[in-house]
Amino acid sequence: MIRVYFPGDHPGKFVGIRVAVSVNAKLRQKYYSFNHHDILTGMKLATALEQTWLADQAYYQRDRVFSR
């Protein structure tokens, strides 16, 4: 899941993009701050990372199904 936080959205005052995916019962998350990335660059990085993590998630789901 990719979530964009604009000023006033996040209780901790974070402004940027958060990527979060559960892989093998563990939460993977990364933040891209608008202090270091513009929104376009942040979204490209976040989308690429999310796709990688979703592939990992699918791998572990398949592994669990076949190991039963």
N, C-alpha and C. Protein backbone atom coordinates (compact mmCIF):
# COMPACT_ATOMS: atom_id res chain seq x y z
N MET A 1 0.84 -1.16 0.00
CA MET A 1 0.00 0.00 0.00
C MET A 1 0.89 1.24 0.00
N ILE A 2 0.56 2.16 -0.84
CA ILE A 2 1.28 3.43 -0.90
C ILE A 2 0.33 4.51 -0.38
N ARG A 3 0.85 5.30 0.54
CA ARG A 3 0.05 6.39 1.12
C ARG A 3 0.86 7.67 1.04
N VAL A 4 0.24 8.71 0.54
CA VAL A 4 0.88 10.02 0.43
C VAL A 4 0.36 10.89 1.58
N TYR A 5 1.28 11.48 2.32
CA TYR A 5 0.95 12.37 3.43
C TYR A 5 1.31 13.80 3.05
N PHE A 6 0.31 14.65 3.04
CA PHE A 6 0.53 16.07 2.80
C PHE A 6 0.54 16.79 4.15
N PRO A 7 0.96 18.05 4.19
CA PRO A 7 0.99 18.76 5.47
C PRO A 7 -0.37 18.69 6.18
N GLY A 8 -0.32 18.27 7.45
CA GLY A 8 -1.52 18.16 8.26
C GLY A 8 -2.17 16.78 8.25
N ASP A 9 -1.73 15.87 7.36
CA ASP A 9 -2.31 14.53 7.28
C ASP A 9 -1.80 13.57 8.35
N HIS A 10 -0.53 13.67 8.69
CA HIS A 10 0.12 12.71 9.58
C HIS A 10 0.24 13.29 10.98
N PRO A 11 -0.15 12.52 12.01
CA PRO A 11 -0.09 13.05 13.38
C PRO A 11 1.32 13.41 13.83
N GLY A 12 2.33 12.75 13.26
CA GLY A 12 3.72 13.06 13.62
C GLY A 12 4.34 14.12 12.74
N LYS A 13 3.53 14.77 11.92
CA LYS A 13 3.96 15.86 11.04
C LYS A 13 4.82 15.39 9.86
N PHE A 14 4.86 14.08 9.58
CA PHE A 14 5.60 13.58 8.42
C PHE A 14 4.91 14.04 7.14
N VAL A 15 5.71 14.48 6.17
CA VAL A 15 5.19 14.89 4.87
C VAL A 15 5.98 14.11 3.83
N GLY A 16 5.29 13.22 3.12
CA GLY A 16 5.97 12.41 2.12
C GLY A 16 5.14 11.18 1.77
N ILE A 17 5.83 10.11 1.41
CA ILE A 17 5.18 8.89 0.93
C ILE A 17 5.60 7.72 1.79
N ARG A 18 4.63 6.87 2.13
CA ARG A 18 4.89 5.65 2.90
C ARG A 18 4.51 4.45 2.07
N VAL A 19 5.40 3.47 2.01
CA VAL A 19 5.11 2.19 1.36
C VAL A 19 5.08 1.14 2.45
N ALA A 20 4.04 0.30 2.46
CA ALA A 20 3.93 -0.75 3.47
C ALA A 20 3.33 -2.00 2.84
N VAL A 21 4.01 -3.14 3.04
CA VAL A 21 3.54 -4.42 2.53
C VAL A 21 3.90 -5.48 3.57
N SER A 22 2.96 -6.38 3.84
CA SER A 22 3.22 -7.50 4.75
C SER A 22 3.76 -8.67 3.94
N VAL A 23 4.96 -9.11 4.29
CA VAL A 23 5.61 -10.21 3.60
C VAL A 23 5.98 -11.28 4.62
N ASN A 24 5.44 -12.48 4.45
CA ASN A 24 5.75 -13.59 5.34
C ASN A 24 5.45 -13.22 6.80
N ALA A 25 4.31 -12.60 7.03
CA ALA A 25 3.84 -12.19 8.35
C ALA A 25 4.70 -11.12 9.02
N LYS A 26 5.48 -10.39 8.23
CA LYS A 26 6.29 -9.29 8.75
C LYS A 26 6.00 -8.03 7.93
N LEU A 27 5.84 -6.91 8.62
CA LEU A 27 5.56 -5.66 7.95
C LEU A 27 6.86 -5.05 7.42
N ARG A 28 6.86 -4.78 6.13
CA ARG A 28 7.96 -4.03 5.52
C ARG A 28 7.41 -2.65 5.21
N GLN A 29 8.16 -1.63 5.61
CA GLN A 29 7.71 -0.27 5.31
C GLN A 29 8.90 0.64 5.09
N LYS A 30 8.69 1.64 4.26
CA LYS A 30 9.73 2.63 3.97
C LYS A 30 9.04 3.97 3.74
N TYR A 31 9.71 5.01 4.18
CA TYR A 31 9.19 6.36 4.04
C TYR A 31 10.08 7.15 3.08
N TYR A 32 9.45 7.93 2.20
CA TYR A 32 10.15 8.84 1.30
C TYR A 32 9.69 10.26 1.62
N SER A 33 10.54 11.02 2.26
CA SER A 33 10.20 12.37 2.69
C SER A 33 10.26 13.35 1.52
N PHE A 34 9.33 14.28 1.51
CA PHE A 34 9.37 15.33 0.49
C PHE A 34 10.52 16.30 0.73
N ASN A 35 11.21 16.18 1.87
CA ASN A 35 12.41 16.98 2.10
C ASN A 35 13.56 16.49 1.22
N HIS A 36 13.51 15.21 0.83
CA HIS A 36 14.60 14.61 0.06
C HIS A 36 14.19 14.23 -1.36
N HIS A 37 12.90 14.08 -1.62
CA HIS A 37 12.41 13.66 -2.94
C HIS A 37 11.21 14.50 -3.32
N ASP A 38 11.11 14.85 -4.61
CA ASP A 38 9.86 15.48 -5.04
C ASP A 38 8.81 14.38 -5.20
N ILE A 39 7.57 14.75 -5.38
CA ILE A 39 6.49 13.76 -5.36
C ILE A 39 6.62 12.76 -6.51
N LEU A 40 7.08 13.21 -7.68
CA LEU A 40 7.22 12.30 -8.82
C LEU A 40 8.30 11.26 -8.57
N THR A 41 9.45 11.69 -8.10
CA THR A 41 10.55 10.77 -7.80
C THR A 41 10.15 9.83 -6.67
N GLY A 42 9.52 10.37 -5.64
CA GLY A 42 9.08 9.55 -4.51
C GLY A 42 8.09 8.49 -4.94
N MET A 43 7.15 8.84 -5.81
CA MET A 43 6.16 7.87 -6.28
C MET A 43 6.80 6.79 -7.14
N LYS A 44 7.77 7.16 -7.97
CA LYS A 44 8.47 6.16 -8.78
C LYS A 44 9.22 5.17 -7.88
N LEU A 45 9.93 5.70 -6.89
CA LEU A 45 10.67 4.84 -5.96
C LEU A 45 9.71 3.97 -5.15
N ALA A 46 8.63 4.55 -4.67
CA ALA A 46 7.67 3.83 -3.86
C ALA A 46 6.99 2.73 -4.67
N THR A 47 6.62 3.02 -5.90
CA THR A 47 5.95 2.05 -6.75
C THR A 47 6.87 0.88 -7.07
N ALA A 48 8.13 1.18 -7.38
CA ALA A 48 9.10 0.11 -7.68
C ALA A 48 9.31 -0.78 -6.46
N LEU A 49 9.44 -0.17 -5.29
CA LEU A 49 9.65 -0.95 -4.07
C LEU A 49 8.42 -1.77 -3.74
N GLU A 50 7.23 -1.19 -3.91
CA GLU A 50 6.01 -1.93 -3.65
C GLU A 50 5.90 -3.15 -4.56
N GLN A 51 6.23 -3.00 -5.83
CA GLN A 51 6.17 -4.13 -6.77
C GLN A 51 7.13 -5.24 -6.35
N THR A 52 8.32 -4.88 -5.91
CA THR A 52 9.29 -5.86 -5.43
C THR A 52 8.74 -6.61 -4.21
N TRP A 53 8.20 -5.85 -3.26
CA TRP A 53 7.67 -6.48 -2.05
C TRP A 53 6.43 -7.32 -2.34
N LEU A 54 5.59 -6.89 -3.27
CA LEU A 54 4.41 -7.69 -3.63
C LEU A 54 4.83 -9.00 -4.30
N ALA A 55 5.90 -8.97 -5.07
CA ALA A 55 6.43 -10.21 -5.67
C ALA A 55 6.94 -11.14 -4.57
N ASP A 56 7.63 -10.58 -3.58
CA ASP A 56 8.09 -11.38 -2.44
C ASP A 56 6.90 -11.97 -1.69
N GLN A 57 5.86 -11.17 -1.51
CA GLN A 57 4.65 -11.62 -0.83
C GLN A 57 4.02 -12.80 -1.58
N ALA A 58 3.92 -12.68 -2.89
CA ALA A 58 3.34 -13.75 -3.70
C ALA A 58 4.18 -15.02 -3.61
N TYR A 59 5.49 -14.85 -3.59
CA TYR A 59 6.39 -16.01 -3.47
C TYR A 59 6.12 -16.77 -2.17
N TYR A 60 6.06 -16.04 -1.06
CA TYR A 60 5.83 -16.69 0.23
C TYR A 60 4.44 -17.30 0.32
N GLN A 61 3.45 -16.69 -0.30
CA GLN A 61 2.11 -17.25 -0.30
C GLN A 61 2.09 -18.56 -1.09
N ARG A 62 2.75 -18.58 -2.25
CA ARG A 62 2.83 -19.81 -3.04
C ARG A 62 3.58 -20.88 -2.28
N ASP A 63 4.67 -20.50 -1.62
CA ASP A 63 5.48 -21.44 -0.87
C ASP A 63 4.66 -22.09 0.24
N ARG A 64 3.83 -21.29 0.92
CA ARG A 64 2.98 -21.81 2.00
C ARG A 64 1.94 -22.79 1.45
N VAL A 65 1.38 -22.49 0.30
CA VAL A 65 0.35 -23.35 -0.29
C VAL A 65 0.95 -24.69 -0.69
N PHE A 66 2.13 -24.65 -1.32
CA PHE A 66 2.74 -25.89 -1.81
C PHE A 66 3.41 -26.71 -0.73
N SER A 67 3.70 -26.12 0.42
CA SER A 67 4.39 -26.87 1.48
C SER A 67 3.42 -27.58 2.42
N ARG A 68 2.14 -27.43 2.21
CA ARG A 68 1.15 -28.07 3.08
C ARG A 68 0.95 -29.51 2.72
